[in-house]
Amino acid sequence: MGKFIYENNMKTEIEDRALTHLQLVITAKLRRGEPFSFTWREDMSVGGGRTTVWIHAGSSLVFKFDGSRQPSINRAWVDALAFTANAPSGLYLVSEPSETSSVERAAEPATA
């Protein structure tokens, strides 16, 4: 389990694979100068509930990974996370879709 740390005091544990995909989306948004909210559910061991933080260029963020190897990237998951980050509700962790789902969508003809 990795850790996402915001402003040196807000911490949550996130599985390394999911954290890697979140890192890609978060850093892409910040490179473009796009602030956004990020919400996660708290574990019952810390009382449950959810936490939302506002992420902007001045935010202090740490992505702490438990493992030493970067997992393979699922482009469909990055796209799904980016979709939430661009919505009014802000970024939140969604389940990992199959990698073929983005390939299948790309092969479908566009409709007007």
PDB file of N, CA and C in Angstrom:
ATOM      1  N   MET A   1       0.835  -1.189   0.000  1.00  0.00           N
ATOM      2  CA  MET A   1       0.000   0.000   0.000  1.00  0.00           C
ATOM      3  C   MET A   1       0.872   1.242   0.000  1.00  0.00           C
ATOM      4  N   GLY A   2       0.592   2.107  -0.963  1.00  0.00           N
ATOM      5  CA  GLY A   2       1.286   3.375  -1.011  1.00  0.00           C
ATOM      6  C   GLY A   2       0.535   4.411  -0.190  1.00  0.00           C
ATOM      7  N   LYS A   3       1.060   5.622  -0.188  1.00  0.00           N
ATOM      8  CA  LYS A   3       0.424   6.710   0.551  1.00  0.00           C
ATOM      9  C   LYS A   3       0.355   7.944  -0.334  1.00  0.00           C
ATOM     10  N   PHE A   4      -0.768   8.640  -0.255  1.00  0.00           N
ATOM     11  CA  PHE A   4      -0.910   9.961  -0.849  1.00  0.00           C
ATOM     12  C   PHE A   4      -0.915  10.925   0.318  1.00  0.00           C
ATOM     13  N   ILE A   5       0.005  11.894   0.288  1.00  0.00           N
ATOM     14  CA  ILE A   5       0.127  12.854   1.378  1.00  0.00           C
ATOM     15  C   ILE A   5      -0.082  14.250   0.802  1.00  0.00           C
ATOM     16  N   TYR A   6      -1.015  14.984   1.401  1.00  0.00           N
ATOM     17  CA  TYR A   6      -1.361  16.331   0.961  1.00  0.00           C
ATOM     18  C   TYR A   6      -0.999  17.322   2.053  1.00  0.00           C
ATOM     19  N   GLU A   7      -0.215  18.324   1.698  1.00  0.00           N
ATOM     20  CA  GLU A   7       0.170  19.396   2.626  1.00  0.00           C
ATOM     21  C   GLU A   7       0.778  18.866   3.926  1.00  0.00           C
ATOM     22  N   ASN A   8       1.489  17.775   3.860  1.00  0.00           N
ATOM     23  CA  ASN A   8       2.225  17.176   4.981  1.00  0.00           C
ATOM     24  C   ASN A   8       1.370  16.701   6.150  1.00  0.00           C
ATOM     25  N   ASN A   9       0.038  16.808   6.050  1.00  0.00           N
ATOM     26  CA  ASN A   9      -0.754  16.357   7.197  1.00  0.00           C
ATOM     27  C   ASN A   9      -1.971  15.505   6.822  1.00  0.00           C
ATOM     28  N   MET A  10      -2.429  15.586   5.586  1.00  0.00           N
ATOM     29  CA  MET A  10      -3.550  14.748   5.160  1.00  0.00           C
ATOM     30  C   MET A  10      -2.964  13.544   4.440  1.00  0.00           C
ATOM     31  N   LYS A  11      -3.232  12.343   4.958  1.00  0.00           N
ATOM     32  CA  LYS A  11      -2.660  11.131   4.387  1.00  0.00           C
ATOM     33  C   LYS A  11      -3.741  10.085   4.188  1.00  0.00           C
ATOM     34  N   THR A  12      -3.569   9.320   3.112  1.00  0.00           N
ATOM     35  CA  THR A  12      -4.444   8.172   2.906  1.00  0.00           C
ATOM     36  C   THR A  12      -3.641   7.073   2.229  1.00  0.00           C
ATOM     37  N   GLU A  13      -3.974   5.848   2.546  1.00  0.00           N
ATOM     38  CA  GLU A  13      -3.318   4.713   1.907  1.00  0.00           C
ATOM     39  C   GLU A  13      -4.079   4.336   0.645  1.00  0.00           C
ATOM     40  N   ILE A  14      -3.325   4.165  -0.436  1.00  0.00           N
ATOM     41  CA  ILE A  14      -3.888   3.781  -1.730  1.00  0.00           C
ATOM     42  C   ILE A  14      -2.966   2.728  -2.318  1.00  0.00           C
ATOM     43  N   GLU A  15      -3.536   1.688  -2.862  1.00  0.00           N
ATOM     44  CA  GLU A  15      -2.750   0.615  -3.470  1.00  0.00           C
ATOM     45  C   GLU A  15      -1.831   1.210  -4.535  1.00  0.00           C
ATOM     46  N   ASP A  16      -0.591   0.699  -4.625  1.00  0.00           N
ATOM     47  CA  ASP A  16       0.425   1.264  -5.516  1.00  0.00           C
ATOM     48  C   ASP A  16      -0.050   1.428  -6.960  1.00  0.00           C
ATOM     49  N   ARG A  17      -0.734   0.441  -7.497  1.00  0.00           N
ATOM     50  CA  ARG A  17      -1.181   0.511  -8.895  1.00  0.00           C
ATOM     51  C   ARG A  17      -2.154   1.672  -9.088  1.00  0.00           C
ATOM     52  N   ALA A  18      -3.109   1.797  -8.191  1.00  0.00           N
ATOM     53  CA  ALA A  18      -4.072   2.894  -8.262  1.00  0.00           C
ATOM     54  C   ALA A  18      -3.371   4.238  -8.054  1.00  0.00           C
ATOM     55  N   LEU A  19      -2.443   4.297  -7.115  1.00  0.00           N
ATOM     56  CA  LEU A  19      -1.721   5.536  -6.829  1.00  0.00           C
ATOM     57  C   LEU A  19      -0.911   5.987  -8.041  1.00  0.00           C
ATOM     58  N   THR A  20      -0.324   5.054  -8.765  1.00  0.00           N
ATOM     59  CA  THR A  20       0.426   5.394  -9.978  1.00  0.00           C
ATOM     60  C   THR A  20      -0.483   6.055 -11.005  1.00  0.00           C
ATOM     61  N   HIS A  21      -1.670   5.512 -11.194  1.00  0.00           N
ATOM     62  CA  HIS A  21      -2.605   6.063 -12.164  1.00  0.00           C
ATOM     63  C   HIS A  21      -3.124   7.433 -11.701  1.00  0.00           C
ATOM     64  N   LEU A  22      -3.379   7.584 -10.410  1.00  0.00           N
ATOM     65  CA  LEU A  22      -3.781   8.882  -9.878  1.00  0.00           C
ATOM     66  C   LEU A  22      -2.667   9.914 -10.075  1.00  0.00           C
ATOM     67  N   GLN A  23      -1.424   9.508  -9.843  1.00  0.00           N
ATOM     68  CA  GLN A  23      -0.292  10.415 -10.008  1.00  0.00           C
ATOM     69  C   GLN A  23      -0.219  10.941 -11.444  1.00  0.00           C
ATOM     70  N   LEU A  24      -0.436  10.074 -12.412  1.00  0.00           N
ATOM     71  CA  LEU A  24      -0.395  10.503 -13.809  1.00  0.00           C
ATOM     72  C   LEU A  24      -1.454  11.568 -14.095  1.00  0.00           C
ATOM     73  N   VAL A  25      -2.657  11.360 -13.590  1.00  0.00           N
ATOM     74  CA  VAL A  25      -3.745  12.312 -13.828  1.00  0.00           C
ATOM     75  C   VAL A  25      -3.493  13.621 -13.072  1.00  0.00           C
ATOM     76  N   ILE A  26      -3.095  13.523 -11.835  1.00  0.00           N
ATOM     77  CA  ILE A  26      -2.861  14.722 -11.017  1.00  0.00           C
ATOM     78  C   ILE A  26      -1.742  15.573 -11.605  1.00  0.00           C
ATOM     79  N   THR A  27      -0.627  14.954 -11.962  1.00  0.00           N
ATOM     80  CA  THR A  27       0.483  15.735 -12.506  1.00  0.00           C
ATOM     81  C   THR A  27       0.142  16.335 -13.866  1.00  0.00           C
ATOM     82  N   ALA A  28      -0.643  15.634 -14.679  1.00  0.00           N
ATOM     83  CA  ALA A  28      -1.058  16.190 -15.971  1.00  0.00           C
ATOM     84  C   ALA A  28      -1.921  17.436 -15.770  1.00  0.00           C
ATOM     85  N   LYS A  29      -2.866  17.363 -14.835  1.00  0.00           N
ATOM     86  CA  LYS A  29      -3.726  18.514 -14.555  1.00  0.00           C
ATOM     87  C   LYS A  29      -2.892  19.697 -14.066  1.00  0.00           C
ATOM     88  N   LEU A  30      -1.945  19.444 -13.177  1.00  0.00           N
ATOM     89  CA  LEU A  30      -1.136  20.528 -12.638  1.00  0.00           C
ATOM     90  C   LEU A  30      -0.199  21.126 -13.687  1.00  0.00           C
ATOM     91  N   ARG A  31       0.334  20.293 -14.582  1.00  0.00           N
ATOM     92  CA  ARG A  31       1.178  20.813 -15.668  1.00  0.00           C
ATOM     93  C   ARG A  31       0.397  21.787 -16.547  1.00  0.00           C
ATOM     94  N   ARG A  32      -0.897  21.533 -16.708  1.00  0.00           N
ATOM     95  CA  ARG A  32      -1.743  22.407 -17.520  1.00  0.00           C
ATOM     96  C   ARG A  32      -2.283  23.601 -16.717  1.00  0.00           C
ATOM     97  N   GLY A  33      -1.925  23.688 -15.448  1.00  0.00           N
ATOM     98  CA  GLY A  33      -2.390  24.790 -14.614  1.00  0.00           C
ATOM     99  C   GLY A  33      -3.855  24.700 -14.258  1.00  0.00           C
ATOM    100  N   GLU A  34      -4.371  23.481 -14.120  1.00  0.00           N
ATOM    101  CA  GLU A  34      -5.788  23.265 -13.837  1.00  0.00           C
ATOM    102  C   GLU A  34      -5.987  22.772 -12.403  1.00  0.00           C
ATOM    103  N   PRO A  35      -6.399  23.653 -11.489  1.00  0.00           N
ATOM    104  CA  PRO A  35      -6.699  23.191 -10.123  1.00  0.00           C
ATOM    105  C   PRO A  35      -7.990  22.373 -10.122  1.00  0.00           C
ATOM    106  N   PHE A  36      -8.137  21.507  -9.127  1.00  0.00           N
ATOM    107  CA  PHE A  36      -9.299  20.613  -9.049  1.00  0.00           C
ATOM    108  C   PHE A  36      -9.389  20.043  -7.642  1.00  0.00           C
ATOM    109  N   SER A  37     -10.529  19.453  -7.336  1.00  0.00           N
ATOM    110  CA  SER A  37     -10.689  18.779  -6.043  1.00  0.00           C
ATOM    111  C   SER A  37     -10.399  17.284  -6.214  1.00  0.00           C
ATOM    112  N   PHE A  38      -9.950  16.674  -5.131  1.00  0.00           N
ATOM    113  CA  PHE A  38      -9.686  15.233  -5.100  1.00  0.00           C
ATOM    114  C   PHE A  38     -10.342  14.691  -3.846  1.00  0.00           C
ATOM    115  N   THR A  39     -11.216  13.708  -4.018  1.00  0.00           N
ATOM    116  CA  THR A  39     -11.953  13.116  -2.901  1.00  0.00           C
ATOM    117  C   THR A  39     -11.600  11.649  -2.780  1.00  0.00           C
ATOM    118  N   TRP A  40     -11.416  11.196  -1.535  1.00  0.00           N
ATOM    119  CA  TRP A  40     -11.212   9.767  -1.291  1.00  0.00           C
ATOM    120  C   TRP A  40     -12.010   9.358  -0.065  1.00  0.00           C
ATOM    121  N   ARG A  41     -12.302   8.079  -0.020  1.00  0.00           N
ATOM    122  CA  ARG A  41     -13.012   7.510   1.131  1.00  0.00           C
ATOM    123  C   ARG A  41     -11.995   7.098   2.170  1.00  0.00           C
ATOM    124  N   GLU A  42     -12.310   7.404   3.398  1.00  0.00           N
ATOM    125  CA  GLU A  42     -11.432   7.044   4.514  1.00  0.00           C
ATOM    126  C   GLU A  42     -11.731   5.617   4.965  1.00  0.00           C
ATOM    127  N   ASP A  43     -10.706   4.945   5.402  1.00  0.00           N
ATOM    128  CA  ASP A  43     -10.840   3.595   5.923  1.00  0.00           C
ATOM    129  C   ASP A  43     -11.600   3.638   7.252  1.00  0.00           C
ATOM    130  N   MET A  44     -12.337   2.579   7.514  1.00  0.00           N
ATOM    131  CA  MET A  44     -13.087   2.500   8.775  1.00  0.00           C
ATOM    132  C   MET A  44     -12.161   2.548   9.993  1.00  0.00           C
ATOM    133  N   SER A  45     -10.901   2.150   9.826  1.00  0.00           N
ATOM    134  CA  SER A  45      -9.962   2.178  10.952  1.00  0.00           C
ATOM    135  C   SER A  45      -9.672   3.603  11.424  1.00  0.00           C
ATOM    136  N   VAL A  46      -9.937   4.594  10.565  1.00  0.00           N
ATOM    137  CA  VAL A  46      -9.753   5.987  10.964  1.00  0.00           C
ATOM    138  C   VAL A  46     -11.081   6.730  11.042  1.00  0.00           C
ATOM    139  N   GLY A  47     -12.162   5.982  11.134  1.00  0.00           N
ATOM    140  CA  GLY A  47     -13.470   6.568  11.338  1.00  0.00           C
ATOM    141  C   GLY A  47     -14.366   6.623  10.114  1.00  0.00           C
ATOM    142  N   GLY A  48     -13.857   6.203   8.957  1.00  0.00           N
ATOM    143  CA  GLY A  48     -14.685   6.207   7.756  1.00  0.00           C
ATOM    144  C   GLY A  48     -14.910   7.610   7.228  1.00  0.00           C
ATOM    145  N   GLY A  49     -15.940   7.755   6.432  1.00  0.00           N
ATOM    146  CA  GLY A  49     -16.246   9.055   5.833  1.00  0.00           C
ATOM    147  C   GLY A  49     -15.438   9.291   4.573  1.00  0.00           C
ATOM    148  N   ARG A  50     -15.361  10.552   4.191  1.00  0.00           N
ATOM    149  CA  ARG A  50     -14.578  10.900   3.011  1.00  0.00           C
ATOM    150  C   ARG A  50     -13.882  12.227   3.246  1.00  0.00           C
ATOM    151  N   THR A  51     -12.828  12.436   2.490  1.00  0.00           N
ATOM    152  CA  THR A  51     -12.042  13.661   2.581  1.00  0.00           C
ATOM    153  C   THR A  51     -11.911  14.245   1.183  1.00  0.00           C
ATOM    154  N   THR A  52     -12.048  15.558   1.073  1.00  0.00           N
ATOM    155  CA  THR A  52     -11.838  16.260  -0.184  1.00  0.00           C
ATOM    156  C   THR A  52     -10.805  17.343   0.040  1.00  0.00           C
ATOM    157  N   VAL A  53      -9.819  17.410  -0.878  1.00  0.00           N
ATOM    158  CA  VAL A  53      -8.799  18.460  -0.827  1.00  0.00           C
ATOM    159  C   VAL A  53      -8.804  19.207  -2.153  1.00  0.00           C
ATOM    160  N   TRP A  54      -8.372  20.456  -2.127  1.00  0.00           N
ATOM    161  CA  TRP A  54      -8.259  21.276  -3.329  1.00  0.00           C
ATOM    162  C   TRP A  54      -6.805  21.231  -3.770  1.00  0.00           C
ATOM    163  N   ILE A  55      -6.572  20.720  -4.970  1.00  0.00           N
ATOM    164  CA  ILE A  55      -5.214  20.576  -5.478  1.00  0.00           C
ATOM    165  C   ILE A  55      -4.955  21.683  -6.495  1.00  0.00           C
ATOM    166  N   HIS A  56      -3.850  22.394  -6.295  1.00  0.00           N
ATOM    167  CA  HIS A  56      -3.468  23.509  -7.166  1.00  0.00           C
ATOM    168  C   HIS A  56      -1.945  23.518  -7.280  1.00  0.00           C
ATOM    169  N   ALA A  57      -1.425  24.409  -8.091  1.00  0.00           N
ATOM    170  CA  ALA A  57       0.013  24.437  -8.373  1.00  0.00           C
ATOM    171  C   ALA A  57       0.870  24.602  -7.116  1.00  0.00           C
ATOM    172  N   GLY A  58       0.347  25.239  -6.092  1.00  0.00           N
ATOM    173  CA  GLY A  58       1.109  25.454  -4.862  1.00  0.00           C
ATOM    174  C   GLY A  58       0.951  24.351  -3.825  1.00  0.00           C
ATOM    175  N   SER A  59       0.174  23.321  -4.139  1.00  0.00           N
ATOM    176  CA  SER A  59      -0.052  22.231  -3.185  1.00  0.00           C
ATOM    177  C   SER A  59       1.221  21.429  -2.960  1.00  0.00           C
ATOM    178  N   SER A  60       1.402  20.991  -1.732  1.00  0.00           N
ATOM    179  CA  SER A  60       2.497  20.083  -1.408  1.00  0.00           C
ATOM    180  C   SER A  60       1.946  18.656  -1.469  1.00  0.00           C
ATOM    181  N   LEU A  61       2.406  17.890  -2.468  1.00  0.00           N
ATOM    182  CA  LEU A  61       1.910  16.535  -2.680  1.00  0.00           C
ATOM    183  C   LEU A  61       3.059  15.545  -2.602  1.00  0.00           C
ATOM    184  N   VAL A  62       2.790  14.396  -1.973  1.00  0.00           N
ATOM    185  CA  VAL A  62       3.759  13.307  -1.935  1.00  0.00           C
ATOM    186  C   VAL A  62       3.036  12.031  -2.340  1.00  0.00           C
ATOM    187  N   PHE A  63       3.648  11.313  -3.275  1.00  0.00           N
ATOM    188  CA  PHE A  63       3.164   9.993  -3.687  1.00  0.00           C
ATOM    189  C   PHE A  63       4.209   9.006  -3.187  1.00  0.00           C
ATOM    190  N   LYS A  64       3.899   8.283  -2.127  1.00  0.00           N
ATOM    191  CA  LYS A  64       4.846   7.355  -1.499  1.00  0.00           C
ATOM    192  C   LYS A  64       4.428   5.937  -1.849  1.00  0.00           C
ATOM    193  N   PHE A  65       5.285   5.254  -2.606  1.00  0.00           N
ATOM    194  CA  PHE A  65       4.964   3.902  -3.063  1.00  0.00           C
ATOM    195  C   PHE A  65       5.650   2.863  -2.195  1.00  0.00           C
ATOM    196  N   ASP A  66       4.946   1.786  -1.902  1.00  0.00           N
ATOM    197  CA  ASP A  66       5.501   0.694  -1.115  1.00  0.00           C
ATOM    198  C   ASP A  66       6.477  -0.132  -1.948  1.00  0.00           C
ATOM    199  N   GLY A  67       6.105  -0.413  -3.186  1.00  0.00           N
ATOM    200  CA  GLY A  67       6.950  -1.218  -4.067  1.00  0.00           C
ATOM    201  C   GLY A  67       7.953  -0.368  -4.822  1.00  0.00           C
ATOM    202  N   SER A  68       8.979  -1.014  -5.375  1.00  0.00           N
ATOM    203  CA  SER A  68      10.027  -0.289  -6.094  1.00  0.00           C
ATOM    204  C   SER A  68       9.799  -0.258  -7.599  1.00  0.00           C
ATOM    205  N   ARG A  69       8.925  -1.093  -8.118  1.00  0.00           N
ATOM    206  CA  ARG A  69       8.674  -1.142  -9.557  1.00  0.00           C
ATOM    207  C   ARG A  69       7.397  -0.410  -9.914  1.00  0.00           C
ATOM    208  N   GLN A  70       7.454   0.330 -11.031  1.00  0.00           N
ATOM    209  CA  GLN A  70       6.248   0.998 -11.515  1.00  0.00           C
ATOM    210  C   GLN A  70       5.394  -0.020 -12.247  1.00  0.00           C
ATOM    211  N   PRO A  71       4.106  -0.076 -11.925  1.00  0.00           N
ATOM    212  CA  PRO A  71       3.227  -1.027 -12.612  1.00  0.00           C
ATOM    213  C   PRO A  71       2.975  -0.594 -14.052  1.00  0.00           C
ATOM    214  N   SER A  72       2.489  -1.527 -14.864  1.00  0.00           N
ATOM    215  CA  SER A  72       2.110  -1.172 -16.232  1.00  0.00           C
ATOM    216  C   SER A  72       0.932  -0.205 -16.170  1.00  0.00           C
ATOM    217  N   ILE A  73       0.852   0.646 -17.176  1.00  0.00           N
ATOM    218  CA  ILE A  73      -0.180   1.677 -17.193  1.00  0.00           C
ATOM    219  C   ILE A  73      -1.353   1.218 -18.052  1.00  0.00           C
ATOM    220  N   ASN A  74      -2.536   1.342 -17.490  1.00  0.00           N
ATOM    221  CA  ASN A  74      -3.780   1.038 -18.190  1.00  0.00           C
ATOM    222  C   ASN A  74      -4.338   2.370 -18.681  1.00  0.00           C
ATOM    223  N   ARG A  75      -4.214   2.627 -19.972  1.00  0.00           N
ATOM    224  CA  ARG A  75      -4.648   3.901 -20.563  1.00  0.00           C
ATOM    225  C   ARG A  75      -6.136   4.155 -20.329  1.00  0.00           C
ATOM    226  N   ALA A  76      -6.936   3.091 -20.359  1.00  0.00           N
ATOM    227  CA  ALA A  76      -8.372   3.248 -20.119  1.00  0.00           C
ATOM    228  C   ALA A  76      -8.641   3.759 -18.703  1.00  0.00           C
ATOM    229  N   TRP A  77      -7.837   3.323 -17.745  1.00  0.00           N
ATOM    230  CA  TRP A  77      -8.008   3.785 -16.359  1.00  0.00           C
ATOM    231  C   TRP A  77      -7.586   5.246 -16.233  1.00  0.00           C
ATOM    232  N   VAL A  78      -6.482   5.611 -16.871  1.00  0.00           N
ATOM    233  CA  VAL A  78      -6.043   7.009 -16.855  1.00  0.00           C
ATOM    234  C   VAL A  78      -7.153   7.886 -17.447  1.00  0.00           C
ATOM    235  N   ASP A  79      -7.719   7.453 -18.564  1.00  0.00           N
ATOM    236  CA  ASP A  79      -8.803   8.215 -19.195  1.00  0.00           C
ATOM    237  C   ASP A  79     -10.013   8.338 -18.280  1.00  0.00           C
ATOM    238  N   ALA A  80     -10.383   7.255 -17.610  1.00  0.00           N
ATOM    239  CA  ALA A  80     -11.542   7.275 -16.708  1.00  0.00           C
ATOM    240  C   ALA A  80     -11.298   8.207 -15.523  1.00  0.00           C
ATOM    241  N   LEU A  81     -10.092   8.175 -14.971  1.00  0.00           N
ATOM    242  CA  LEU A  81      -9.759   9.070 -13.860  1.00  0.00           C
ATOM    243  C   LEU A  81      -9.727  10.526 -14.319  1.00  0.00           C
ATOM    244  N   ALA A  82      -9.164  10.764 -15.491  1.00  0.00           N
ATOM    245  CA  ALA A  82      -9.114  12.128 -16.036  1.00  0.00           C
ATOM    246  C   ALA A  82     -10.527  12.658 -16.264  1.00  0.00           C
ATOM    247  N   PHE A  83     -11.433  11.789 -16.692  1.00  0.00           N
ATOM    248  CA  PHE A  83     -12.819  12.194 -16.893  1.00  0.00           C
ATOM    249  C   PHE A  83     -13.409  12.720 -15.585  1.00  0.00           C
ATOM    250  N   THR A  84     -13.181  12.006 -14.477  1.00  0.00           N
ATOM    251  CA  THR A  84     -13.717  12.480 -13.194  1.00  0.00           C
ATOM    252  C   THR A  84     -13.041  13.778 -12.774  1.00  0.00           C
ATOM    253  N   ALA A  85     -11.728  13.891 -13.001  1.00  0.00           N
ATOM    254  CA  ALA A  85     -10.994  15.093 -12.606  1.00  0.00           C
ATOM    255  C   ALA A  85     -11.492  16.326 -13.351  1.00  0.00           C
ATOM    256  N   ASN A  86     -11.995  16.146 -14.572  1.00  0.00           N
ATOM    257  CA  ASN A  86     -12.488  17.256 -15.372  1.00  0.00           C
ATOM    258  C   ASN A  86     -13.962  17.570 -15.116  1.00  0.00           C
ATOM    259  N   ALA A  87     -14.627  16.755 -14.316  1.00  0.00           N
ATOM    260  CA  ALA A  87     -16.037  16.965 -14.000  1.00  0.00           C
ATOM    261  C   ALA A  87     -16.167  17.908 -12.795  1.00  0.00           C
ATOM    262  N   PRO A  88     -17.317  18.524 -12.622  1.00  0.00           N
ATOM    263  CA  PRO A  88     -17.511  19.412 -11.467  1.00  0.00           C
ATOM    264  C   PRO A  88     -17.286  18.729 -10.118  1.00  0.00           C
ATOM    265  N   SER A  89     -17.529  17.420 -10.042  1.00  0.00           N
ATOM    266  CA  SER A  89     -17.345  16.702  -8.775  1.00  0.00           C
ATOM    267  C   SER A  89     -15.881  16.503  -8.434  1.00  0.00           C
ATOM    268  N   GLY A  90     -14.984  16.608  -9.389  1.00  0.00           N
ATOM    269  CA  GLY A  90     -13.555  16.468  -9.141  1.00  0.00           C
ATOM    270  C   GLY A  90     -13.088  15.024  -9.197  1.00  0.00           C
ATOM    271  N   LEU A  91     -11.791  14.856  -9.022  1.00  0.00           N
ATOM    272  CA  LEU A  91     -11.142  13.546  -9.109  1.00  0.00           C
ATOM    273  C   LEU A  91     -11.549  12.645  -7.959  1.00  0.00           C
ATOM    274  N   TYR A  92     -11.838  11.412  -8.283  1.00  0.00           N
ATOM    275  CA  TYR A  92     -12.042  10.367  -7.277  1.00  0.00           C
ATOM    276  C   TYR A  92     -11.660   9.046  -7.919  1.00  0.00           C
ATOM    277  N   LEU A  93     -11.302   8.081  -7.093  1.00  0.00           N
ATOM    278  CA  LEU A  93     -10.836   6.793  -7.583  1.00  0.00           C
ATOM    279  C   LEU A  93     -12.005   5.971  -8.103  1.00  0.00           C
ATOM    280  N   VAL A  94     -11.885   5.511  -9.345  1.00  0.00           N
ATOM    281  CA  VAL A  94     -12.877   4.624  -9.948  1.00  0.00           C
ATOM    282  C   VAL A  94     -12.221   3.266 -10.161  1.00  0.00           C
ATOM    283  N   SER A  95     -13.033   2.238 -10.296  1.00  0.00           N
ATOM    284  CA  SER A  95     -12.511   0.895 -10.520  1.00  0.00           C
ATOM    285  C   SER A  95     -11.759   0.829 -11.840  1.00  0.00           C
ATOM    286  N   GLU A  96     -10.753  -0.020 -11.879  1.00  0.00           N
ATOM    287  CA  GLU A  96      -9.957  -0.167 -13.088  1.00  0.00           C
ATOM    288  C   GLU A  96     -10.752  -0.880 -14.171  1.00  0.00           C
ATOM    289  N   PRO A  97     -10.928  -0.246 -15.336  1.00  0.00           N
ATOM    290  CA  PRO A  97     -11.601  -0.919 -16.453  1.00  0.00           C
ATOM    291  C   PRO A  97     -10.622  -1.847 -17.165  1.00  0.00           C
ATOM    292  N   SER A  98     -11.141  -2.738 -17.980  1.00  0.00           N
ATOM    293  CA  SER A  98     -10.245  -3.596 -18.759  1.00  0.00           C
ATOM    294  C   SER A  98      -9.498  -2.726 -19.756  1.00  0.00           C
ATOM    295  N   GLU A  99      -8.282  -3.107 -20.063  1.00  0.00           N
ATOM    296  CA  GLU A  99      -7.473  -2.317 -20.991  1.00  0.00           C
ATOM    297  C   GLU A  99      -8.045  -2.327 -22.395  1.00  0.00           C
ATOM    298  N   THR A 100      -8.798  -3.358 -22.744  1.00  0.00           N
ATOM    299  CA  THR A 100      -9.354  -3.439 -24.088  1.00  0.00           C
ATOM    300  C   THR A 100     -10.521  -2.494 -24.282  1.00  0.00           C
ATOM    301  N   SER A 101     -11.105  -2.000 -23.194  1.00  0.00           N
ATOM    302  CA  SER A 101     -12.278  -1.138 -23.350  1.00  0.00           C
ATOM    303  C   SER A 101     -11.943   0.134 -24.111  1.00  0.00           C
ATOM    304  N   SER A 102     -10.755   0.728 -23.910  1.00  0.00           N
ATOM    305  CA  SER A 102     -10.401   1.932 -24.656  1.00  0.00           C
ATOM    306  C   SER A 102     -10.096   1.600 -26.111  1.00  0.00           C
ATOM    307  N   VAL A 103      -9.513   0.419 -26.365  1.00  0.00           N
ATOM    308  CA  VAL A 103      -9.220  -0.007 -27.730  1.00  0.00           C
ATOM    309  C   VAL A 103     -10.526  -0.256 -28.469  1.00  0.00           C
ATOM    310  N   GLU A 104     -11.484  -0.890 -27.804  1.00  0.00           N
ATOM    311  CA  GLU A 104     -12.772  -1.156 -28.440  1.00  0.00           C
ATOM    312  C   GLU A 104     -13.504   0.151 -28.762  1.00  0.00           C
ATOM    313  N   ARG A 105     -13.449   1.134 -27.853  1.00  0.00           N
ATOM    314  CA  ARG A 105     -14.099   2.418 -28.093  1.00  0.00           C
ATOM    315  C   ARG A 105     -13.448   3.140 -29.256  1.00  0.00           C
ATOM    316  N   ALA A 106     -12.124   3.061 -29.359  1.00  0.00           N
ATOM    317  CA  ALA A 106     -11.421   3.745 -30.442  1.00  0.00           C
ATOM    318  C   ALA A 106     -11.776   3.152 -31.795  1.00  0.00           C
ATOM    319  N   ALA A 107     -12.117   1.859 -31.813  1.00  0.00           N
ATOM    320  CA  ALA A 107     -12.438   1.191 -33.078  1.00  0.00           C
ATOM    321  C   ALA A 107     -13.876   1.446 -33.516  1.00  0.00           C
ATOM    322  N   GLU A 108     -14.719   1.942 -32.600  1.00  0.00           N
ATOM    323  CA  GLU A 108     -16.115   2.188 -32.944  1.00  0.00           C
ATOM    324  C   GLU A 108     -16.233   3.443 -33.799  1.00  0.00           C
ATOM    325  N   PRO A 109     -17.132   3.427 -34.788  1.00  0.00           N
ATOM    326  CA  PRO A 109     -17.310   4.642 -35.600  1.00  0.00           C
ATOM    327  C   PRO A 109     -17.955   5.746 -34.775  1.00  0.00           C
ATOM    328  N   ALA A 110     -17.569   6.968 -35.048  1.00  0.00           N
ATOM    329  CA  ALA A 110     -18.153   8.119 -34.360  1.00  0.00           C
ATOM    330  C   ALA A 110     -19.562   8.344 -34.860  1.00  0.00           C
ATOM    331  N   THR A 111     -20.430   8.760 -33.943  1.00  0.00           N
ATOM    332  CA  THR A 111     -21.812   9.062 -34.334  1.00  0.00           C
ATOM    333  C   THR A 111     -22.032  10.559 -34.243  1.00  0.00           C
ATOM    334  N   ALA A 112     -22.900  11.063 -35.059  1.00  0.00           N
ATOM    335  CA  ALA A 112     -23.165  12.511 -35.074  1.00  0.00           C
ATOM    336  C   ALA A 112     -24.272  12.868 -34.130  1.00  0.00           C
TER     337      ALA A 112
END
